[in-house]
Amino acid sequence: MSDPDVWNSNGIDSIDKKITEVANDNLDGIESSLNHIDKLNAKDFSDLHEEMKEMLGDLNRDNFKKAGKVIVNLSREEE
């Protein structure tokens, strides 16, 4: 966010925007790590793995079901 007035404001809308931006930046970082997973060292891979497990735990039931089905299908492909 490049607008300095938004960063200096303490209003609830400003705080919500900041939280959303940080969350989106974090998701962008995770996506970038996934796109370059073959270049991650063991520690960075482990950190990413833990972060992904946390994300699964935060999903609602419907999205957890969708993610679970994807994981089951991927596991079957690896057998």
PDB file of N, CA and C in Angstrom:
ATOM      1  N   MET A   1       0.844  -1.158   0.000  1.00  0.00           N
ATOM      2  CA  MET A   1       0.000   0.000   0.000  1.00  0.00           C
ATOM      3  C   MET A   1       0.899   1.234   0.000  1.00  0.00           C
ATOM      4  N   SER A   2       0.726   2.074  -0.972  1.00  0.00           N
ATOM      5  CA  SER A   2       1.647   3.197  -1.109  1.00  0.00           C
ATOM      6  C   SER A   2       1.093   4.503  -0.559  1.00  0.00           C
ATOM      7  N   ASP A   3      -0.159   4.567  -0.157  1.00  0.00           N
ATOM      8  CA  ASP A   3      -0.755   5.787   0.354  1.00  0.00           C
ATOM      9  C   ASP A   3      -0.359   5.976   1.816  1.00  0.00           C
ATOM     10  N   PRO A   4       0.505   6.988   2.113  1.00  0.00           N
ATOM     11  CA  PRO A   4       0.967   7.169   3.490  1.00  0.00           C
ATOM     12  C   PRO A   4      -0.158   7.531   4.453  1.00  0.00           C
ATOM     13  N   ASP A   5      -1.224   8.180   3.962  1.00  0.00           N
ATOM     14  CA  ASP A   5      -2.331   8.535   4.839  1.00  0.00           C
ATOM     15  C   ASP A   5      -3.019   7.290   5.388  1.00  0.00           C
ATOM     16  N   VAL A   6      -3.105   6.241   4.574  1.00  0.00           N
ATOM     17  CA  VAL A   6      -3.733   5.005   5.026  1.00  0.00           C
ATOM     18  C   VAL A   6      -2.885   4.364   6.116  1.00  0.00           C
ATOM     19  N   TRP A   7      -1.571   4.369   5.948  1.00  0.00           N
ATOM     20  CA  TRP A   7      -0.687   3.753   6.936  1.00  0.00           C
ATOM     21  C   TRP A   7      -0.665   4.532   8.240  1.00  0.00           C
ATOM     22  N   ASN A   8      -0.898   5.839   8.194  1.00  0.00           N
ATOM     23  CA  ASN A   8      -0.848   6.659   9.400  1.00  0.00           C
ATOM     24  C   ASN A   8      -2.196   6.789  10.078  1.00  0.00           C
ATOM     25  N   SER A   9      -3.246   6.324   9.471  1.00  0.00           N
ATOM     26  CA  SER A   9      -4.580   6.409  10.036  1.00  0.00           C
ATOM     27  C   SER A   9      -4.788   5.270  11.032  1.00  0.00           C
ATOM     28  N   ASN A  10      -5.546   5.562  12.070  1.00  0.00           N
ATOM     29  CA  ASN A  10      -5.852   4.532  13.066  1.00  0.00           C
ATOM     30  C   ASN A  10      -7.295   4.068  12.974  1.00  0.00           C
ATOM     31  N   GLY A  11      -7.991   4.480  11.910  1.00  0.00           N
ATOM     32  CA  GLY A  11      -9.381   4.082  11.747  1.00  0.00           C
ATOM     33  C   GLY A  11      -9.507   2.597  11.504  1.00  0.00           C
ATOM     34  N   ILE A  12     -10.668   2.063  11.829  1.00  0.00           N
ATOM     35  CA  ILE A  12     -10.901   0.621  11.683  1.00  0.00           C
ATOM     36  C   ILE A  12     -10.756   0.176  10.234  1.00  0.00           C
ATOM     37  N   ASP A  13     -11.203   1.011   9.279  1.00  0.00           N
ATOM     38  CA  ASP A  13     -11.052   0.648   7.869  1.00  0.00           C
ATOM     39  C   ASP A  13      -9.583   0.558   7.491  1.00  0.00           C
ATOM     40  N   SER A  14      -8.796   1.466   8.012  1.00  0.00           N
ATOM     41  CA  SER A  14      -7.369   1.462   7.728  1.00  0.00           C
ATOM     42  C   SER A  14      -6.701   0.217   8.313  1.00  0.00           C
ATOM     43  N   ILE A  15      -7.081  -0.123   9.515  1.00  0.00           N
ATOM     44  CA  ILE A  15      -6.516  -1.314  10.170  1.00  0.00           C
ATOM     45  C   ILE A  15      -6.902  -2.565   9.393  1.00  0.00           C
ATOM     46  N   ASP A  16      -8.164  -2.641   8.970  1.00  0.00           N
ATOM     47  CA  ASP A  16      -8.611  -3.787   8.158  1.00  0.00           C
ATOM     48  C   ASP A  16      -7.814  -3.889   6.864  1.00  0.00           C
ATOM     49  N   LYS A  17      -7.575  -2.749   6.224  1.00  0.00           N
ATOM     50  CA  LYS A  17      -6.810  -2.744   4.971  1.00  0.00           C
ATOM     51  C   LYS A  17      -5.379  -3.223   5.217  1.00  0.00           C
ATOM     52  N   LYS A  18      -4.799  -2.801   6.326  1.00  0.00           N
ATOM     53  CA  LYS A  18      -3.429  -3.224   6.654  1.00  0.00           C
ATOM     54  C   LYS A  18      -3.371  -4.731   6.882  1.00  0.00           C
ATOM     55  N   ILE A  19      -4.335  -5.241   7.644  1.00  0.00           N
ATOM     56  CA  ILE A  19      -4.375  -6.677   7.922  1.00  0.00           C
ATOM     57  C   ILE A  19      -4.544  -7.469   6.631  1.00  0.00           C
ATOM     58  N   THR A  20      -5.439  -7.012   5.769  1.00  0.00           N
ATOM     59  CA  THR A  20      -5.666  -7.682   4.485  1.00  0.00           C
ATOM     60  C   THR A  20      -4.414  -7.661   3.628  1.00  0.00           C
ATOM     61  N   GLU A  21      -3.720  -6.525   3.600  1.00  0.00           N
ATOM     62  CA  GLU A  21      -2.505  -6.433   2.797  1.00  0.00           C
ATOM     63  C   GLU A  21      -1.426  -7.373   3.312  1.00  0.00           C
ATOM     64  N   VAL A  22      -1.251  -7.434   4.617  1.00  0.00           N
ATOM     65  CA  VAL A  22      -0.245  -8.331   5.196  1.00  0.00           C
ATOM     66  C   VAL A  22      -0.605  -9.782   4.892  1.00  0.00           C
ATOM     67  N   ALA A  23      -1.880 -10.129   5.028  1.00  0.00           N
ATOM     68  CA  ALA A  23      -2.318 -11.499   4.738  1.00  0.00           C
ATOM     69  C   ALA A  23      -2.076 -11.846   3.273  1.00  0.00           C
ATOM     70  N   ASN A  24      -2.397 -10.920   2.376  1.00  0.00           N
ATOM     71  CA  ASN A  24      -2.169 -11.172   0.945  1.00  0.00           C
ATOM     72  C   ASN A  24      -0.688 -11.269   0.624  1.00  0.00           C
ATOM     73  N   ASP A  25       0.135 -10.437   1.257  1.00  0.00           N
ATOM     74  CA  ASP A  25       1.586 -10.527   1.053  1.00  0.00           C
ATOM     75  C   ASP A  25       2.102 -11.884   1.512  1.00  0.00           C
ATOM     76  N   ASN A  26       1.582 -12.379   2.633  1.00  0.00           N
ATOM     77  CA  ASN A  26       1.984 -13.690   3.145  1.00  0.00           C
ATOM     78  C   ASN A  26       1.584 -14.792   2.168  1.00  0.00           C
ATOM     79  N   LEU A  27       0.371 -14.714   1.645  1.00  0.00           N
ATOM     80  CA  LEU A  27      -0.080 -15.711   0.671  1.00  0.00           C
ATOM     81  C   LEU A  27       0.749 -15.648  -0.606  1.00  0.00           C
ATOM     82  N   ASP A  28       1.112 -14.436  -1.037  1.00  0.00           N
ATOM     83  CA  ASP A  28       1.981 -14.295  -2.209  1.00  0.00           C
ATOM     84  C   ASP A  28       3.337 -14.956  -1.957  1.00  0.00           C
ATOM     85  N   GLY A  29       3.867 -14.790  -0.749  1.00  0.00           N
ATOM     86  CA  GLY A  29       5.140 -15.413  -0.395  1.00  0.00           C
ATOM     87  C   GLY A  29       5.058 -16.928  -0.401  1.00  0.00           C
ATOM     88  N   ILE A  30       3.965 -17.464   0.127  1.00  0.00           N
ATOM     89  CA  ILE A  30       3.765 -18.912   0.127  1.00  0.00           C
ATOM     90  C   ILE A  30       3.656 -19.423  -1.306  1.00  0.00           C
ATOM     91  N   GLU A  31       2.889 -18.717  -2.123  1.00  0.00           N
ATOM     92  CA  GLU A  31       2.739 -19.128  -3.521  1.00  0.00           C
ATOM     93  C   GLU A  31       4.082 -19.104  -4.241  1.00  0.00           C
ATOM     94  N   SER A  32       4.887 -18.094  -3.974  1.00  0.00           N
ATOM     95  CA  SER A  32       6.211 -18.009  -4.578  1.00  0.00           C
ATOM     96  C   SER A  32       7.082 -19.187  -4.131  1.00  0.00           C
ATOM     97  N   SER A  33       7.012 -19.522  -2.841  1.00  0.00           N
ATOM     98  CA  SER A  33       7.778 -20.666  -2.337  1.00  0.00           C
ATOM     99  C   SER A  33       7.339 -21.954  -3.012  1.00  0.00           C
ATOM    100  N   LEU A  34       6.016 -22.108  -3.212  1.00  0.00           N
ATOM    101  CA  LEU A  34       5.514 -23.300  -3.886  1.00  0.00           C
ATOM    102  C   LEU A  34       5.988 -23.354  -5.338  1.00  0.00           C
ATOM    103  N   ASN A  35       6.040 -22.195  -5.979  1.00  0.00           N
ATOM    104  CA  ASN A  35       6.491 -22.144  -7.373  1.00  0.00           C
ATOM    105  C   ASN A  35       7.971 -22.475  -7.512  1.00  0.00           C
ATOM    106  N   HIS A  36       8.727 -22.286  -6.438  1.00  0.00           N
ATOM    107  CA  HIS A  36      10.173 -22.533  -6.463  1.00  0.00           C
ATOM    108  C   HIS A  36      10.566 -23.604  -5.445  1.00  0.00           C
ATOM    109  N   ILE A  37       9.662 -24.539  -5.200  1.00  0.00           N
ATOM    110  CA  ILE A  37       9.862 -25.533  -4.149  1.00  0.00           C
ATOM    111  C   ILE A  37      11.131 -26.362  -4.357  1.00  0.00           C
ATOM    112  N   ASP A  38      11.495 -26.578  -5.611  1.00  0.00           N
ATOM    113  CA  ASP A  38      12.685 -27.375  -5.895  1.00  0.00           C
ATOM    114  C   ASP A  38      13.976 -26.666  -5.489  1.00  0.00           C
ATOM    115  N   LYS A  39      13.901 -25.381  -5.221  1.00  0.00           N
ATOM    116  CA  LYS A  39      15.087 -24.614  -4.830  1.00  0.00           C
ATOM    117  C   LYS A  39      15.167 -24.371  -3.323  1.00  0.00           C
ATOM    118  N   LEU A  40      14.170 -24.844  -2.565  1.00  0.00           N
ATOM    119  CA  LEU A  40      14.155 -24.621  -1.118  1.00  0.00           C
ATOM    120  C   LEU A  40      15.110 -25.581  -0.425  1.00  0.00           C
ATOM    121  N   ASN A  41      15.814 -25.063   0.577  1.00  0.00           N
ATOM    122  CA  ASN A  41      16.636 -25.951   1.398  1.00  0.00           C
ATOM    123  C   ASN A  41      15.721 -26.686   2.375  1.00  0.00           C
ATOM    124  N   ALA A  42      16.262 -27.622   3.117  1.00  0.00           N
ATOM    125  CA  ALA A  42      15.456 -28.482   3.987  1.00  0.00           C
ATOM    126  C   ALA A  42      14.691 -27.678   5.036  1.00  0.00           C
ATOM    127  N   LYS A  43      15.326 -26.674   5.632  1.00  0.00           N
ATOM    128  CA  LYS A  43      14.652 -25.880   6.668  1.00  0.00           C
ATOM    129  C   LYS A  43      13.512 -25.064   6.074  1.00  0.00           C
ATOM    130  N   ASP A  44      13.763 -24.411   4.944  1.00  0.00           N
ATOM    131  CA  ASP A  44      12.708 -23.619   4.315  1.00  0.00           C
ATOM    132  C   ASP A  44      11.544 -24.502   3.869  1.00  0.00           C
ATOM    133  N   PHE A  45      11.850 -25.705   3.368  1.00  0.00           N
ATOM    134  CA  PHE A  45      10.796 -26.645   2.993  1.00  0.00           C
ATOM    135  C   PHE A  45       9.991 -27.054   4.217  1.00  0.00           C
ATOM    136  N   SER A  46      10.670 -27.323   5.321  1.00  0.00           N
ATOM    137  CA  SER A  46       9.992 -27.705   6.558  1.00  0.00           C
ATOM    138  C   SER A  46       9.095 -26.566   7.055  1.00  0.00           C
ATOM    139  N   ASP A  47       9.596 -25.337   6.994  1.00  0.00           N
ATOM    140  CA  ASP A  47       8.795 -24.175   7.404  1.00  0.00           C
ATOM    141  C   ASP A  47       7.556 -24.031   6.521  1.00  0.00           C
ATOM    142  N   LEU A  48       7.726 -24.207   5.223  1.00  0.00           N
ATOM    143  CA  LEU A  48       6.607 -24.125   4.293  1.00  0.00           C
ATOM    144  C   LEU A  48       5.590 -25.225   4.587  1.00  0.00           C
ATOM    145  N   HIS A  49       6.090 -26.420   4.856  1.00  0.00           N
ATOM    146  CA  HIS A  49       5.233 -27.555   5.176  1.00  0.00           C
ATOM    147  C   HIS A  49       4.382 -27.244   6.408  1.00  0.00           C
ATOM    148  N   GLU A  50       5.002 -26.694   7.435  1.00  0.00           N
ATOM    149  CA  GLU A  50       4.280 -26.343   8.664  1.00  0.00           C
ATOM    150  C   GLU A  50       3.238 -25.260   8.400  1.00  0.00           C
ATOM    151  N   GLU A  51       3.604 -24.288   7.589  1.00  0.00           N
ATOM    152  CA  GLU A  51       2.670 -23.208   7.268  1.00  0.00           C
ATOM    153  C   GLU A  51       1.460 -23.745   6.501  1.00  0.00           C
ATOM    154  N   MET A  52       1.703 -24.674   5.591  1.00  0.00           N
ATOM    155  CA  MET A  52       0.606 -25.270   4.836  1.00  0.00           C
ATOM    156  C   MET A  52      -0.302 -26.082   5.763  1.00  0.00           C
ATOM    157  N   LYS A  53       0.275 -26.791   6.732  1.00  0.00           N
ATOM    158  CA  LYS A  53      -0.539 -27.547   7.688  1.00  0.00           C
ATOM    159  C   LYS A  53      -1.417 -26.603   8.505  1.00  0.00           C
ATOM    160  N   GLU A  54      -0.869 -25.456   8.903  1.00  0.00           N
ATOM    161  CA  GLU A  54      -1.660 -24.461   9.625  1.00  0.00           C
ATOM    162  C   GLU A  54      -2.819 -23.965   8.769  1.00  0.00           C
ATOM    163  N   MET A  55      -2.528 -23.721   7.498  1.00  0.00           N
ATOM    164  CA  MET A  55      -3.575 -23.237   6.598  1.00  0.00           C
ATOM    165  C   MET A  55      -4.699 -24.262   6.467  1.00  0.00           C
ATOM    166  N   LEU A  56      -4.359 -25.536   6.409  1.00  0.00           N
ATOM    167  CA  LEU A  56      -5.390 -26.579   6.349  1.00  0.00           C
ATOM    168  C   LEU A  56      -6.269 -26.537   7.599  1.00  0.00           C
ATOM    169  N   GLY A  57      -5.648 -26.308   8.727  1.00  0.00           N
ATOM    170  CA  GLY A  57      -6.396 -26.242   9.983  1.00  0.00           C
ATOM    171  C   GLY A  57      -7.320 -25.047  10.071  1.00  0.00           C
ATOM    172  N   ASP A  58      -7.036 -24.003   9.303  1.00  0.00           N
ATOM    173  CA  ASP A  58      -7.847 -22.788   9.329  1.00  0.00           C
ATOM    174  C   ASP A  58      -9.015 -22.811   8.348  1.00  0.00           C
ATOM    175  N   LEU A  59      -9.074 -23.832   7.483  1.00  0.00           N
ATOM    176  CA  LEU A  59     -10.131 -23.890   6.477  1.00  0.00           C
ATOM    177  C   LEU A  59     -11.481 -24.251   7.097  1.00  0.00           C
ATOM    178  N   ASN A  60     -12.544 -23.756   6.486  1.00  0.00           N
ATOM    179  CA  ASN A  60     -13.874 -24.195   6.906  1.00  0.00           C
ATOM    180  C   ASN A  60     -14.083 -25.624   6.393  1.00  0.00           C
ATOM    181  N   ARG A  61     -15.144 -26.252   6.810  1.00  0.00           N
ATOM    182  CA  ARG A  61     -15.370 -27.669   6.473  1.00  0.00           C
ATOM    183  C   ARG A  61     -15.413 -27.922   4.966  1.00  0.00           C
ATOM    184  N   ASP A  62     -16.106 -27.060   4.240  1.00  0.00           N
ATOM    185  CA  ASP A  62     -16.226 -27.272   2.793  1.00  0.00           C
ATOM    186  C   ASP A  62     -14.875 -27.180   2.094  1.00  0.00           C
ATOM    187  N   ASN A  63     -14.095 -26.167   2.426  1.00  0.00           N
ATOM    188  CA  ASN A  63     -12.785 -26.023   1.794  1.00  0.00           C
ATOM    189  C   ASN A  63     -11.806 -27.083   2.278  1.00  0.00           C
ATOM    190  N   PHE A  64     -11.942 -27.505   3.535  1.00  0.00           N
ATOM    191  CA  PHE A  64     -11.103 -28.592   4.042  1.00  0.00           C
ATOM    192  C   PHE A  64     -11.392 -29.870   3.262  1.00  0.00           C
ATOM    193  N   LYS A  65     -12.677 -30.103   2.982  1.00  0.00           N
ATOM    194  CA  LYS A  65     -13.068 -31.284   2.204  1.00  0.00           C
ATOM    195  C   LYS A  65     -12.445 -31.233   0.816  1.00  0.00           C
ATOM    196  N   LYS A  66     -12.506 -30.068   0.162  1.00  0.00           N
ATOM    197  CA  LYS A  66     -11.915 -29.910  -1.169  1.00  0.00           C
ATOM    198  C   LYS A  66     -10.413 -30.164  -1.133  1.00  0.00           C
ATOM    199  N   ALA A  67      -9.736 -29.557  -0.167  1.00  0.00           N
ATOM    200  CA  ALA A  67      -8.285 -29.725  -0.049  1.00  0.00           C
ATOM    201  C   ALA A  67      -7.948 -31.184   0.260  1.00  0.00           C
ATOM    202  N   GLY A  68      -8.733 -31.790   1.120  1.00  0.00           N
ATOM    203  CA  GLY A  68      -8.510 -33.190   1.468  1.00  0.00           C
ATOM    204  C   GLY A  68      -8.619 -34.111   0.272  1.00  0.00           C
ATOM    205  N   LYS A  69      -9.611 -33.860  -0.578  1.00  0.00           N
ATOM    206  CA  LYS A  69      -9.782 -34.689  -1.775  1.00  0.00           C
ATOM    207  C   LYS A  69      -8.596 -34.532  -2.722  1.00  0.00           C
ATOM    208  N   VAL A  70      -8.090 -33.315  -2.857  1.00  0.00           N
ATOM    209  CA  VAL A  70      -6.911 -33.083  -3.698  1.00  0.00           C
ATOM    210  C   VAL A  70      -5.717 -33.856  -3.141  1.00  0.00           C
ATOM    211  N   ILE A  71      -5.537 -33.797  -1.833  1.00  0.00           N
ATOM    212  CA  ILE A  71      -4.404 -34.489  -1.199  1.00  0.00           C
ATOM    213  C   ILE A  71      -4.538 -35.997  -1.359  1.00  0.00           C
ATOM    214  N   VAL A  72      -5.746 -36.533  -1.181  1.00  0.00           N
ATOM    215  CA  VAL A  72      -5.966 -37.972  -1.344  1.00  0.00           C
ATOM    216  C   VAL A  72      -5.644 -38.386  -2.774  1.00  0.00           C
ATOM    217  N   ASN A  73      -6.119 -37.629  -3.741  1.00  0.00           N
ATOM    218  CA  ASN A  73      -5.852 -37.964  -5.148  1.00  0.00           C
ATOM    219  C   ASN A  73      -4.363 -37.885  -5.471  1.00  0.00           C
ATOM    220  N   LEU A  74      -3.684 -36.886  -4.944  1.00  0.00           N
ATOM    221  CA  LEU A  74      -2.233 -36.785  -5.170  1.00  0.00           C
ATOM    222  C   LEU A  74      -1.501 -37.960  -4.529  1.00  0.00           C
ATOM    223  N   SER A  75      -1.946 -38.359  -3.348  1.00  0.00           N
ATOM    224  CA  SER A  75      -1.318 -39.505  -2.679  1.00  0.00           C
ATOM    225  C   SER A  75      -1.512 -40.777  -3.476  1.00  0.00           C
ATOM    226  N   ARG A  76      -2.682 -40.936  -4.073  1.00  0.00           N
ATOM    227  CA  ARG A  76      -2.928 -42.121  -4.901  1.00  0.00           C
ATOM    228  C   ARG A  76      -2.018 -42.150  -6.109  1.00  0.00           C
ATOM    229  N   GLU A  77      -1.764 -40.961  -6.692  1.00  0.00           N
ATOM    230  CA  GLU A  77      -0.884 -40.885  -7.862  1.00  0.00           C
ATOM    231  C   GLU A  77       0.550 -41.268  -7.525  1.00  0.00           C
ATOM    232  N   GLU A  78       0.969 -41.060  -6.282  1.00  0.00           N
ATOM    233  CA  GLU A  78       2.342 -41.338  -5.890  1.00  0.00           C
ATOM    234  C   GLU A  78       2.558 -42.807  -5.542  1.00  0.00           C
ATOM    235  N   GLU A  79       1.506 -43.587  -5.417  1.00  0.00           N
ATOM    236  CA  GLU A  79       1.649 -45.008  -5.052  1.00  0.00           C
ATOM    237  C   GLU A  79       2.207 -45.814  -6.182  1.00  0.00           C
TER     238      GLU A  79
END
